[in-house]
Amino acid sequence: MGLIRNRNYAFNLLCFVLIISGGSVHGRRLLSQSRPDPNYVALFARWLVSQSSWGVLSTIADDLGGAPFGNVVSFSDGLPDQGAGVPYFYLTTLDPSARYALKDHRSSFTISEYPVGTCGKADPENPTCSKITLTGKLNEVDAKSKEAATARNYLFAKHTEMKDWPKDHDFQVFKLDIEEIFLINFFGGPKPLTVDQYLHAGKDELTAI
């Protein structure tokens, strides 16, 4: 009887841990990876993007006099544990962001470390709770291309409900072609980081930390 009670206790404890840790939430699987040292700038940036599943996408709103329009959107840069750094989105022109991007491709995408759960008690604006803004052009990917098929796999792996979104809403794959990177992951202002450095941080390095 004692053994059975111990097994039941262990099972209940496991269920409780899964619930409070968000174990059923897609896109958080990379939490098992250690947070890189902030001095490894490219690696840190790639880690932050790979661990995240949503952010704020800002586009140019022509009907608002050219003001920036920020919108919370889901994204994926690859399969879980295999992020490639380039953000892909599943958007519909029923939403302003896609409409604006088709008229003016200039866009930026901002991600905070805070939702990842590794900031401790630090406020999201505290420099030790990192943030990254990727600026560039938001372009629609050819729906019949191999890239679009790959991107859909990336997106559906992190956001499983996407595959069941209404077909008559005409969701299409978009990607951000990155031109500039703004990263703060500690005191001292933004870290210098080129797009080339960011994209070539390397998957092996990401999984080795």
N, C-alpha and C. Protein backbone atom coordinates (compact mmCIF):
# COMPACT_ATOMS: atom_id res chain seq x y z
N MET A 1 0.84 -1.21 0.00
CA MET A 1 0.00 0.00 0.00
C MET A 1 0.87 1.26 0.00
N GLY A 2 1.97 1.20 0.77
CA GLY A 2 2.86 2.35 0.83
C GLY A 2 3.45 2.66 -0.52
N LEU A 3 3.81 1.60 -1.29
CA LEU A 3 4.39 1.79 -2.62
C LEU A 3 3.37 2.43 -3.55
N ILE A 4 2.11 1.97 -3.46
CA ILE A 4 1.06 2.52 -4.32
C ILE A 4 0.84 4.00 -4.01
N ARG A 5 0.81 4.33 -2.69
CA ARG A 5 0.62 5.73 -2.31
C ARG A 5 1.77 6.59 -2.82
N ASN A 6 2.99 6.07 -2.75
CA ASN A 6 4.14 6.83 -3.25
C ASN A 6 4.05 7.06 -4.75
N ARG A 7 3.61 6.03 -5.49
CA ARG A 7 3.46 6.17 -6.94
C ARG A 7 2.39 7.20 -7.28
N ASN A 8 1.27 7.14 -6.54
CA ASN A 8 0.19 8.12 -6.78
C ASN A 8 0.66 9.53 -6.47
N TYR A 9 1.41 9.67 -5.39
CA TYR A 9 1.93 10.99 -5.03
C TYR A 9 2.86 11.52 -6.12
N ALA A 10 3.75 10.65 -6.62
CA ALA A 10 4.70 11.06 -7.66
C ALA A 10 3.96 11.47 -8.92
N PHE A 11 2.91 10.70 -9.28
CA PHE A 11 2.14 11.01 -10.49
C PHE A 11 1.44 12.35 -10.35
N ASN A 12 0.80 12.58 -9.20
CA ASN A 12 0.09 13.84 -8.98
C ASN A 12 1.05 15.03 -8.97
N LEU A 13 2.22 14.81 -8.38
CA LEU A 13 3.22 15.88 -8.36
C LEU A 13 3.68 16.23 -9.76
N LEU A 14 3.88 15.21 -10.60
CA LEU A 14 4.30 15.43 -11.99
C LEU A 14 3.24 16.23 -12.73
N CYS A 15 1.97 15.87 -12.56
CA CYS A 15 0.88 16.59 -13.23
C CYS A 15 0.85 18.06 -12.80
N PHE A 16 1.06 18.27 -11.49
CA PHE A 16 1.05 19.63 -10.97
C PHE A 16 2.18 20.46 -11.57
N VAL A 17 3.36 19.86 -11.67
CA VAL A 17 4.51 20.57 -12.25
C VAL A 17 4.27 20.91 -13.70
N LEU A 18 3.69 19.96 -14.45
CA LEU A 18 3.40 20.22 -15.86
C LEU A 18 2.42 21.36 -16.03
N ILE A 19 1.43 21.44 -15.13
CA ILE A 19 0.41 22.48 -15.24
C ILE A 19 1.02 23.85 -14.97
N ILE A 20 1.77 23.98 -13.87
CA ILE A 20 2.29 25.30 -13.51
C ILE A 20 3.43 25.73 -14.41
N SER A 21 4.08 24.80 -15.08
CA SER A 21 5.20 25.16 -15.95
C SER A 21 4.77 25.35 -17.39
N GLY A 22 3.47 25.20 -17.68
CA GLY A 22 3.01 25.38 -19.05
C GLY A 22 3.46 24.27 -19.95
N GLY A 23 3.53 23.05 -19.44
CA GLY A 23 4.05 21.94 -20.23
C GLY A 23 3.25 21.63 -21.46
N SER A 24 1.98 22.05 -21.49
CA SER A 24 1.15 21.76 -22.64
C SER A 24 1.18 22.87 -23.68
N VAL A 25 1.92 23.94 -23.42
CA VAL A 25 1.96 25.07 -24.34
C VAL A 25 2.97 24.81 -25.44
N HIS A 26 2.53 24.90 -26.68
CA HIS A 26 3.43 24.68 -27.81
C HIS A 26 4.37 25.87 -27.96
N GLY A 27 5.57 25.60 -28.42
CA GLY A 27 6.54 26.66 -28.65
C GLY A 27 7.40 26.99 -27.45
N ARG A 28 7.22 26.32 -26.32
CA ARG A 28 8.04 26.60 -25.16
C ARG A 28 9.03 25.49 -24.87
N ARG A 29 9.15 24.53 -25.78
CA ARG A 29 9.98 23.36 -25.55
C ARG A 29 11.44 23.70 -25.34
N LEU A 30 11.90 24.82 -25.92
CA LEU A 30 13.31 25.19 -25.81
C LEU A 30 13.68 25.73 -24.44
N LEU A 31 12.73 25.79 -23.51
CA LEU A 31 13.07 26.23 -22.16
C LEU A 31 14.08 25.30 -21.50
N SER A 32 14.21 24.07 -22.03
CA SER A 32 15.18 23.14 -21.46
C SER A 32 16.61 23.56 -21.77
N GLN A 33 16.79 24.44 -22.77
CA GLN A 33 18.13 24.93 -23.08
C GLN A 33 18.54 25.99 -22.08
N SER A 34 19.82 26.02 -21.75
CA SER A 34 20.32 27.04 -20.85
C SER A 34 20.38 28.39 -21.55
N ARG A 35 20.19 29.43 -20.80
CA ARG A 35 20.28 30.80 -21.32
C ARG A 35 21.75 31.11 -21.61
N PRO A 36 22.09 31.52 -22.84
CA PRO A 36 23.50 31.80 -23.16
C PRO A 36 24.04 32.99 -22.38
N ASP A 37 25.34 33.03 -22.26
CA ASP A 37 26.01 34.19 -21.67
C ASP A 37 25.71 35.41 -22.55
N PRO A 38 25.28 36.53 -21.97
CA PRO A 38 24.97 37.73 -22.77
C PRO A 38 26.12 38.22 -23.64
N ASN A 39 27.36 37.86 -23.30
CA ASN A 39 28.50 38.29 -24.11
C ASN A 39 28.55 37.59 -25.46
N TYR A 40 27.90 36.41 -25.58
CA TYR A 40 27.82 35.73 -26.87
C TYR A 40 26.61 36.29 -27.59
N VAL A 41 26.81 37.45 -28.23
CA VAL A 41 25.69 38.26 -28.70
C VAL A 41 24.85 37.55 -29.76
N ALA A 42 25.48 37.04 -30.80
CA ALA A 42 24.73 36.38 -31.89
C ALA A 42 24.00 35.15 -31.37
N LEU A 43 24.69 34.38 -30.57
CA LEU A 43 24.10 33.18 -30.00
C LEU A 43 22.91 33.53 -29.10
N PHE A 44 23.07 34.58 -28.32
CA PHE A 44 21.99 35.00 -27.42
C PHE A 44 20.77 35.43 -28.22
N ALA A 45 21.00 36.21 -29.28
CA ALA A 45 19.89 36.68 -30.10
C ALA A 45 19.14 35.51 -30.72
N ARG A 46 19.88 34.55 -31.25
CA ARG A 46 19.24 33.38 -31.86
C ARG A 46 18.47 32.56 -30.83
N TRP A 47 19.04 32.45 -29.63
CA TRP A 47 18.36 31.73 -28.54
C TRP A 47 17.02 32.38 -28.21
N LEU A 48 17.03 33.72 -28.10
CA LEU A 48 15.83 34.44 -27.73
C LEU A 48 14.74 34.27 -28.79
N VAL A 49 15.11 34.37 -30.06
CA VAL A 49 14.13 34.21 -31.14
C VAL A 49 13.61 32.78 -31.18
N SER A 50 14.50 31.80 -31.05
CA SER A 50 14.09 30.40 -31.12
C SER A 50 13.17 30.01 -29.98
N GLN A 51 13.41 30.57 -28.80
CA GLN A 51 12.60 30.21 -27.64
C GLN A 51 11.23 30.85 -27.67
N SER A 52 11.08 31.92 -28.42
CA SER A 52 9.83 32.69 -28.42
C SER A 52 8.87 32.16 -29.47
N SER A 53 7.58 32.42 -29.25
CA SER A 53 6.57 31.99 -30.21
C SER A 53 5.65 33.13 -30.63
N TRP A 54 5.82 34.32 -30.04
CA TRP A 54 5.04 35.48 -30.45
C TRP A 54 5.79 36.76 -30.14
N GLY A 55 5.33 37.84 -30.75
CA GLY A 55 5.94 39.14 -30.53
C GLY A 55 5.04 40.23 -31.07
N VAL A 56 5.57 41.44 -31.19
CA VAL A 56 4.81 42.57 -31.72
C VAL A 56 5.35 42.94 -33.09
N LEU A 57 4.50 42.81 -34.09
CA LEU A 57 4.85 43.14 -35.47
C LEU A 57 4.35 44.54 -35.78
N SER A 58 5.26 45.41 -36.19
CA SER A 58 4.89 46.80 -36.50
C SER A 58 5.04 47.05 -38.00
N THR A 59 3.97 47.58 -38.58
CA THR A 59 3.94 47.89 -40.00
C THR A 59 3.55 49.36 -40.17
N ILE A 60 3.63 49.87 -41.40
CA ILE A 60 3.32 51.27 -41.69
C ILE A 60 1.85 51.37 -42.10
N ALA A 61 1.05 52.09 -41.32
CA ALA A 61 -0.39 52.20 -41.56
C ALA A 61 -0.69 53.39 -42.46
N ASP A 62 -0.96 53.10 -43.72
CA ASP A 62 -1.23 54.19 -44.66
C ASP A 62 -2.51 54.93 -44.33
N ASP A 63 -3.48 54.26 -43.73
CA ASP A 63 -4.74 54.93 -43.39
C ASP A 63 -4.67 55.67 -42.06
N LEU A 64 -3.51 55.61 -41.42
CA LEU A 64 -3.29 56.37 -40.18
C LEU A 64 -2.19 57.40 -40.38
N GLY A 65 -2.04 57.84 -41.63
CA GLY A 65 -1.06 58.87 -41.93
C GLY A 65 0.38 58.39 -41.88
N GLY A 66 0.58 57.08 -42.05
CA GLY A 66 1.94 56.53 -42.02
C GLY A 66 2.44 56.21 -40.63
N ALA A 67 1.57 56.22 -39.65
CA ALA A 67 1.97 55.89 -38.28
C ALA A 67 2.28 54.40 -38.17
N PRO A 68 3.18 54.02 -37.28
CA PRO A 68 3.45 52.59 -37.07
C PRO A 68 2.26 51.92 -36.38
N PHE A 69 1.93 50.71 -36.83
CA PHE A 69 0.83 49.95 -36.25
C PHE A 69 1.39 48.66 -35.67
N GLY A 70 1.34 48.53 -34.33
CA GLY A 70 1.86 47.34 -33.67
C GLY A 70 0.77 46.32 -33.44
N ASN A 71 1.09 45.06 -33.69
CA ASN A 71 0.10 44.00 -33.59
C ASN A 71 0.75 42.75 -33.00
N VAL A 72 0.11 42.13 -32.02
CA VAL A 72 0.62 40.88 -31.45
C VAL A 72 0.38 39.75 -32.44
N VAL A 73 1.44 39.07 -32.84
CA VAL A 73 1.32 37.98 -33.81
C VAL A 73 2.18 36.79 -33.38
N SER A 74 1.74 35.60 -33.79
CA SER A 74 2.52 34.38 -33.58
C SER A 74 3.51 34.21 -34.72
N PHE A 75 4.59 33.49 -34.46
CA PHE A 75 5.60 33.28 -35.49
C PHE A 75 6.37 32.00 -35.19
N SER A 76 7.22 31.61 -36.12
CA SER A 76 8.16 30.52 -35.89
C SER A 76 9.38 30.74 -36.78
N ASP A 77 10.54 30.42 -36.25
CA ASP A 77 11.76 30.50 -37.04
C ASP A 77 12.32 29.12 -37.33
N GLY A 78 11.53 28.07 -37.05
CA GLY A 78 11.98 26.71 -37.32
C GLY A 78 11.25 25.71 -36.46
N LEU A 79 11.59 24.45 -36.62
CA LEU A 79 11.03 23.43 -35.76
C LEU A 79 11.56 23.59 -34.35
N PRO A 80 10.85 23.12 -33.34
CA PRO A 80 11.36 23.21 -31.97
C PRO A 80 12.78 22.65 -31.87
N ASP A 81 13.65 23.39 -31.21
CA ASP A 81 15.07 23.04 -31.03
C ASP A 81 15.89 23.19 -32.30
N GLN A 82 15.30 23.72 -33.38
CA GLN A 82 16.04 23.83 -34.64
C GLN A 82 15.80 25.19 -35.31
N GLY A 83 15.71 26.24 -34.50
CA GLY A 83 15.46 27.56 -35.06
C GLY A 83 16.54 28.01 -36.02
N ALA A 84 16.10 28.63 -37.14
CA ALA A 84 17.04 29.10 -38.16
C ALA A 84 17.20 30.61 -38.16
N GLY A 85 16.42 31.31 -37.32
CA GLY A 85 16.63 32.75 -37.17
C GLY A 85 15.71 33.65 -37.95
N VAL A 86 15.13 33.16 -39.06
CA VAL A 86 14.26 33.99 -39.89
C VAL A 86 12.80 33.80 -39.45
N PRO A 87 12.12 34.87 -39.03
CA PRO A 87 10.74 34.73 -38.56
C PRO A 87 9.76 34.55 -39.72
N TYR A 88 8.90 33.55 -39.60
CA TYR A 88 7.80 33.33 -40.53
C TYR A 88 6.48 33.57 -39.81
N PHE A 89 5.51 34.08 -40.56
CA PHE A 89 4.20 34.42 -40.00
C PHE A 89 3.10 33.82 -40.88
N TYR A 90 1.94 33.59 -40.27
CA TYR A 90 0.78 33.07 -40.99
C TYR A 90 -0.30 34.13 -40.87
N LEU A 91 -0.46 34.95 -41.91
CA LEU A 91 -1.29 36.14 -41.83
C LEU A 91 -2.39 36.15 -42.89
N THR A 92 -3.44 36.88 -42.59
CA THR A 92 -4.55 37.08 -43.51
C THR A 92 -4.73 38.57 -43.75
N THR A 93 -5.17 38.93 -44.94
CA THR A 93 -5.40 40.35 -45.24
C THR A 93 -6.67 40.87 -44.57
N LEU A 94 -7.40 39.99 -43.88
CA LEU A 94 -8.49 40.46 -43.04
C LEU A 94 -7.95 41.19 -41.83
N ASP A 95 -6.65 41.01 -41.56
CA ASP A 95 -5.96 41.68 -40.47
C ASP A 95 -5.13 42.83 -41.05
N PRO A 96 -5.08 43.98 -40.36
CA PRO A 96 -4.36 45.14 -40.91
C PRO A 96 -2.90 44.90 -41.23
N SER A 97 -2.19 44.10 -40.42
CA SER A 97 -0.74 43.94 -40.60
C SER A 97 -0.39 43.44 -42.00
N ALA A 98 -1.10 42.43 -42.47
CA ALA A 98 -0.81 41.88 -43.79
C ALA A 98 -1.16 42.89 -44.88
N ARG A 99 -2.27 43.59 -44.73
CA ARG A 99 -2.66 44.59 -45.72
C ARG A 99 -1.62 45.70 -45.82
N TYR A 100 -1.18 46.18 -44.67
CA TYR A 100 -0.18 47.25 -44.67
C TYR A 100 1.12 46.77 -45.31
N ALA A 101 1.54 45.54 -44.97
CA ALA A 101 2.81 45.02 -45.49
C ALA A 101 2.80 44.87 -47.00
N LEU A 102 1.65 44.55 -47.56
CA LEU A 102 1.56 44.39 -49.01
C LEU A 102 1.70 45.73 -49.74
N LYS A 103 1.41 46.82 -49.02
CA LYS A 103 1.54 48.16 -49.61
C LYS A 103 2.91 48.78 -49.32
N ASP A 104 3.39 48.54 -48.11
CA ASP A 104 4.69 49.08 -47.69
C ASP A 104 5.38 47.99 -46.87
N HIS A 105 6.42 47.40 -47.42
CA HIS A 105 7.04 46.22 -46.81
C HIS A 105 7.86 46.54 -45.55
N ARG A 106 8.15 47.81 -45.31
CA ARG A 106 8.97 48.16 -44.15
C ARG A 106 8.27 47.75 -42.85
N SER A 107 8.97 46.97 -42.05
CA SER A 107 8.37 46.41 -40.84
C SER A 107 9.43 46.17 -39.78
N SER A 108 8.98 45.99 -38.55
CA SER A 108 9.87 45.57 -37.48
C SER A 108 9.12 44.59 -36.59
N PHE A 109 9.89 43.71 -35.95
CA PHE A 109 9.31 42.67 -35.11
C PHE A 109 10.06 42.66 -33.79
N THR A 110 9.33 42.84 -32.69
CA THR A 110 9.94 42.95 -31.37
C THR A 110 9.55 41.78 -30.48
N ILE A 111 10.55 41.23 -29.81
CA ILE A 111 10.35 40.08 -28.91
C ILE A 111 10.96 40.42 -27.56
N SER A 112 10.26 40.07 -26.49
CA SER A 112 10.77 40.23 -25.14
C SER A 112 11.08 38.87 -24.54
N GLU A 113 12.11 38.84 -23.71
CA GLU A 113 12.45 37.60 -23.00
C GLU A 113 11.45 37.28 -21.90
N TYR A 114 10.72 38.29 -21.45
CA TYR A 114 9.85 38.13 -20.28
C TYR A 114 8.89 36.94 -20.40
N PRO A 115 8.18 36.75 -21.53
CA PRO A 115 7.26 35.61 -21.61
C PRO A 115 7.97 34.25 -21.59
N VAL A 116 9.25 34.23 -21.91
CA VAL A 116 9.99 32.97 -21.90
C VAL A 116 10.10 32.42 -20.49
N GLY A 117 10.11 33.34 -19.50
CA GLY A 117 10.15 32.92 -18.11
C GLY A 117 11.52 32.88 -17.48
N THR A 118 12.51 33.51 -18.13
CA THR A 118 13.89 33.47 -17.62
C THR A 118 14.37 34.82 -17.10
N CYS A 119 13.45 35.75 -16.84
CA CYS A 119 13.84 37.07 -16.34
C CYS A 119 13.78 37.16 -14.83
N GLY A 120 13.37 36.11 -14.17
CA GLY A 120 13.25 36.16 -12.72
C GLY A 120 12.26 37.23 -12.30
N LYS A 121 12.66 38.10 -11.35
CA LYS A 121 11.79 39.15 -10.85
C LYS A 121 12.02 40.48 -11.57
N ALA A 122 12.89 40.48 -12.59
CA ALA A 122 13.20 41.72 -13.31
C ALA A 122 12.00 42.19 -14.12
N ASP A 123 11.81 43.50 -14.15
CA ASP A 123 10.76 44.10 -14.97
C ASP A 123 11.09 43.91 -16.45
N PRO A 124 10.08 43.80 -17.33
CA PRO A 124 10.38 43.63 -18.76
C PRO A 124 11.24 44.74 -19.35
N GLU A 125 11.21 45.93 -18.74
CA GLU A 125 12.02 47.04 -19.26
C GLU A 125 13.43 47.04 -18.70
N ASN A 126 13.71 46.22 -17.70
CA ASN A 126 15.04 46.11 -17.14
C ASN A 126 16.00 45.55 -18.21
N PRO A 127 17.16 46.17 -18.41
CA PRO A 127 18.07 45.70 -19.47
C PRO A 127 18.50 44.24 -19.32
N THR A 128 18.46 43.70 -18.11
CA THR A 128 18.85 42.30 -17.93
C THR A 128 17.77 41.34 -18.42
N CYS A 129 16.57 41.86 -18.66
CA CYS A 129 15.50 41.06 -19.29
C CYS A 129 15.54 41.44 -20.77
N SER A 130 16.11 40.59 -21.58
CA SER A 130 16.50 40.99 -22.93
C SER A 130 15.31 41.26 -23.84
N LYS A 131 15.59 42.03 -24.88
CA LYS A 131 14.61 42.34 -25.91
C LYS A 131 15.34 42.48 -27.23
N ILE A 132 14.67 42.13 -28.30
CA ILE A 132 15.27 42.23 -29.63
C ILE A 132 14.25 42.77 -30.61
N THR A 133 14.68 43.66 -31.48
CA THR A 133 13.84 44.17 -32.56
C THR A 133 14.55 43.88 -33.88
N LEU A 134 13.87 43.13 -34.73
CA LEU A 134 14.37 42.81 -36.07
C LEU A 134 13.65 43.72 -37.06
N THR A 135 14.41 44.49 -37.80
CA THR A 135 13.83 45.44 -38.75
C THR A 135 14.19 45.03 -40.17
N GLY A 136 13.22 45.17 -41.07
CA GLY A 136 13.48 44.81 -42.46
C GLY A 136 12.25 44.92 -43.31
N LYS A 137 12.07 43.98 -44.23
CA LYS A 137 10.93 43.97 -45.14
C LYS A 137 10.09 42.71 -44.90
N LEU A 138 8.79 42.93 -44.72
CA LEU A 138 7.86 41.81 -44.53
C LEU A 138 7.28 41.45 -45.89
N ASN A 139 7.64 40.26 -46.38
CA ASN A 139 7.26 39.85 -47.73
C ASN A 139 6.43 38.57 -47.71
N GLU A 140 5.47 38.50 -48.60
CA GLU A 140 4.67 37.28 -48.75
C GLU A 140 5.50 36.24 -49.49
N VAL A 141 5.44 34.99 -49.02
CA VAL A 141 6.17 33.89 -49.64
C VAL A 141 5.26 33.21 -50.66
N ASP A 142 5.79 32.90 -51.81
CA ASP A 142 5.03 32.20 -52.85
C ASP A 142 4.38 30.96 -52.25
N ALA A 143 3.04 30.92 -52.28
CA ALA A 143 2.29 29.85 -51.62
C ALA A 143 2.62 28.46 -52.16
N LYS A 144 3.07 28.38 -53.40
CA LYS A 144 3.36 27.09 -54.03
C LYS A 144 4.83 26.70 -53.92
N SER A 145 5.63 27.52 -53.28
CA SER A 145 7.07 27.27 -53.21
C SER A 145 7.40 26.27 -52.10
N LYS A 146 8.60 25.69 -52.21
CA LYS A 146 9.10 24.79 -51.19
C LYS A 146 9.29 25.54 -49.87
N GLU A 147 9.71 26.80 -49.97
CA GLU A 147 9.92 27.60 -48.77
C GLU A 147 8.62 27.76 -47.99
N ALA A 148 7.51 28.00 -48.70
CA ALA A 148 6.22 28.16 -48.03
C ALA A 148 5.80 26.87 -47.33
N ALA A 149 6.04 25.74 -47.99
CA ALA A 149 5.69 24.45 -47.37
C ALA A 149 6.53 24.22 -46.12
N THR A 150 7.81 24.54 -46.19
CA THR A 150 8.69 24.40 -45.03
C THR A 150 8.26 25.32 -43.90
N ALA A 151 7.92 26.57 -44.26
CA ALA A 151 7.51 27.55 -43.26
C ALA A 151 6.22 27.12 -42.57
N ARG A 152 5.29 26.54 -43.33
CA ARG A 152 4.04 26.06 -42.71
C ARG A 152 4.34 24.95 -41.70
N ASN A 153 5.30 24.08 -42.02
CA ASN A 153 5.70 23.04 -41.06
C ASN A 153 6.26 23.68 -39.79
N TYR A 154 7.09 24.70 -39.97
CA TYR A 154 7.64 25.42 -38.82
C TYR A 154 6.51 26.00 -37.96
N LEU A 155 5.60 26.69 -38.61
CA LEU A 155 4.52 27.38 -37.91
C LEU A 155 3.58 26.40 -37.22
N PHE A 156 3.18 25.35 -37.93
CA PHE A 156 2.22 24.40 -37.36
C PHE A 156 2.84 23.58 -36.23
N ALA A 157 4.16 23.43 -36.25
CA ALA A 157 4.83 22.68 -35.18
C ALA A 157 4.76 23.44 -33.86
N LYS A 158 4.81 24.77 -33.92
CA LYS A 158 4.75 25.59 -32.71
C LYS A 158 3.33 26.05 -32.37
N HIS A 159 2.49 26.14 -33.39
CA HIS A 159 1.14 26.65 -33.20
C HIS A 159 0.17 25.69 -33.89
N THR A 160 -0.18 24.61 -33.22
CA THR A 160 -0.91 23.52 -33.85
C THR A 160 -2.30 23.92 -34.33
N GLU A 161 -2.92 24.91 -33.70
CA GLU A 161 -4.27 25.28 -34.11
C GLU A 161 -4.29 26.02 -35.45
N MET A 162 -3.14 26.52 -35.90
CA MET A 162 -3.09 27.26 -37.15
C MET A 162 -3.60 26.46 -38.34
N LYS A 163 -3.29 25.16 -38.36
CA LYS A 163 -3.68 24.32 -39.50
C LYS A 163 -5.20 24.22 -39.65
N ASP A 164 -5.93 24.57 -38.59
CA ASP A 164 -7.40 24.49 -38.62
C ASP A 164 -8.05 25.86 -38.74
N TRP A 165 -7.25 26.89 -38.94
CA TRP A 165 -7.84 28.22 -39.11
C TRP A 165 -8.65 28.26 -40.39
N PRO A 166 -9.71 29.10 -40.46
CA PRO A 166 -10.66 29.09 -41.60
C PRO A 166 -9.98 29.23 -42.96
N LYS A 167 -10.28 28.32 -43.86
CA LYS A 167 -9.69 28.36 -45.21
C LYS A 167 -10.14 29.60 -45.97
N ASP A 168 -11.38 30.06 -45.72
CA ASP A 168 -11.89 31.21 -46.47
C ASP A 168 -11.28 32.53 -46.00
N HIS A 169 -10.41 32.48 -44.97
CA HIS A 169 -9.70 33.68 -44.54
C HIS A 169 -8.40 33.88 -45.32
N ASP A 170 -8.06 32.89 -46.13
CA ASP A 170 -6.91 32.98 -47.04
C ASP A 170 -5.61 33.35 -46.31
N PHE A 171 -5.28 32.58 -45.28
CA PHE A 171 -4.01 32.79 -44.59
C PHE A 171 -2.84 32.44 -45.51
N GLN A 172 -1.82 33.29 -45.48
CA GLN A 172 -0.64 33.08 -46.30
C GLN A 172 0.62 33.23 -45.44
N VAL A 173 1.69 32.61 -45.92
CA VAL A 173 2.97 32.70 -45.22
C VAL A 173 3.69 34.00 -45.60
N PHE A 174 4.14 34.70 -44.58
CA PHE A 174 4.98 35.89 -44.76
C PHE A 174 6.29 35.65 -44.01
N LYS A 175 7.34 36.32 -44.45
CA LYS A 175 8.60 36.25 -43.70
C LYS A 175 9.22 37.63 -43.61
N LEU A 176 9.99 37.84 -42.55
CA LEU A 176 10.69 39.10 -42.38
C LEU A 176 12.11 38.94 -42.90
N ASP A 177 12.43 39.66 -43.97
CA ASP A 177 13.80 39.70 -44.48
C ASP A 177 14.55 40.74 -43.66
N ILE A 178 15.39 40.27 -42.75
CA ILE A 178 16.02 41.12 -41.74
C ILE A 178 17.12 41.99 -42.35
N GLU A 179 17.10 43.29 -41.98
CA GLU A 179 18.12 44.22 -42.43
C GLU A 179 18.91 44.84 -41.27
N GLU A 180 18.26 45.00 -40.13
CA GLU A 180 18.91 45.58 -38.96
C GLU A 180 18.46 44.83 -37.70
N ILE A 181 19.34 44.81 -36.70
CA ILE A 181 19.02 44.11 -35.45
C ILE A 181 19.35 45.01 -34.26
N PHE A 182 18.39 45.16 -33.36
CA PHE A 182 18.56 45.92 -32.12
C PHE A 182 18.38 44.94 -30.97
N LEU A 183 19.43 44.72 -30.20
CA LEU A 183 19.39 43.77 -29.10
C LEU A 183 19.91 44.41 -27.82
N ILE A 184 19.13 44.31 -26.76
CA ILE A 184 19.60 44.67 -25.42
C ILE A 184 19.44 43.43 -24.55
N ASN A 185 20.54 42.97 -23.98
CA ASN A 185 20.47 41.80 -23.09
C ASN A 185 21.27 42.00 -21.80
N PHE A 186 21.69 43.25 -21.56
CA PHE A 186 22.38 43.60 -20.32
C PHE A 186 22.55 45.11 -20.29
N PHE A 187 23.15 45.64 -19.23
CA PHE A 187 23.41 47.07 -19.14
C PHE A 187 24.45 47.48 -20.17
N GLY A 188 24.41 48.76 -20.56
CA GLY A 188 25.42 49.25 -21.49
C GLY A 188 24.90 49.57 -22.87
N GLY A 189 23.60 49.52 -23.06
CA GLY A 189 23.03 49.86 -24.36
C GLY A 189 22.95 48.68 -25.31
N PRO A 190 22.49 48.94 -26.54
CA PRO A 190 22.33 47.86 -27.51
C PRO A 190 23.66 47.24 -27.90
N LYS A 191 23.65 45.93 -28.13
CA LYS A 191 24.86 45.21 -28.52
C LYS A 191 25.04 45.28 -30.04
N PRO A 192 26.25 45.51 -30.52
CA PRO A 192 26.50 45.50 -31.97
C PRO A 192 26.33 44.09 -32.52
N LEU A 193 25.51 43.98 -33.55
CA LEU A 193 25.22 42.67 -34.14
C LEU A 193 24.77 42.85 -35.57
N THR A 194 25.50 42.26 -36.51
CA THR A 194 25.11 42.33 -37.91
C THR A 194 24.17 41.18 -38.24
N VAL A 195 23.46 41.32 -39.34
CA VAL A 195 22.56 40.26 -39.79
C VAL A 195 23.35 39.00 -40.11
N ASP A 196 24.51 39.17 -40.72
CA ASP A 196 25.34 38.01 -41.06
C ASP A 196 25.78 37.27 -39.81
N GLN A 197 26.20 38.00 -38.80
CA GLN A 197 26.61 37.37 -37.54
C GLN A 197 25.43 36.62 -36.91
N TYR A 198 24.28 37.24 -36.95
CA TYR A 198 23.08 36.64 -36.38
C TYR A 198 22.70 35.34 -37.10
N LEU A 199 22.66 35.39 -38.42
CA LEU A 199 22.21 34.23 -39.19
C LEU A 199 23.21 33.08 -39.16
N HIS A 200 24.48 33.38 -38.92
CA HIS A 200 25.50 32.34 -38.93
C HIS A 200 25.97 31.97 -37.53
N ALA A 201 25.12 32.23 -36.53
CA ALA A 201 25.48 31.83 -35.18
C ALA A 201 25.64 30.33 -35.09
N GLY A 202 24.88 29.58 -35.90
CA GLY A 202 25.08 28.12 -36.00
C GLY A 202 24.17 27.33 -35.09
N LYS A 203 23.51 26.32 -35.67
CA LYS A 203 22.64 25.44 -34.90
C LYS A 203 23.43 24.63 -33.88
N ASP A 204 24.64 24.21 -34.23
CA ASP A 204 25.44 23.42 -33.31
C ASP A 204 25.73 24.21 -32.05
N GLU A 205 26.03 25.51 -32.21
CA GLU A 205 26.29 26.35 -31.05
C GLU A 205 25.03 26.48 -30.21
N LEU A 206 23.87 26.60 -30.86
CA LEU A 206 22.62 26.77 -30.14
C LEU A 206 22.31 25.57 -29.25
N THR A 207 22.59 24.39 -29.72
CA THR A 207 22.27 23.18 -28.96
C THR A 207 23.39 22.79 -27.99
N ALA A 208 24.55 23.40 -28.17
CA ALA A 208 25.69 23.05 -27.33
C ALA A 208 25.68 23.78 -26.00
N ILE A 209 24.99 24.92 -25.95
CA ILE A 209 24.99 25.72 -24.71
C ILE A 209 24.13 25.05 -23.65
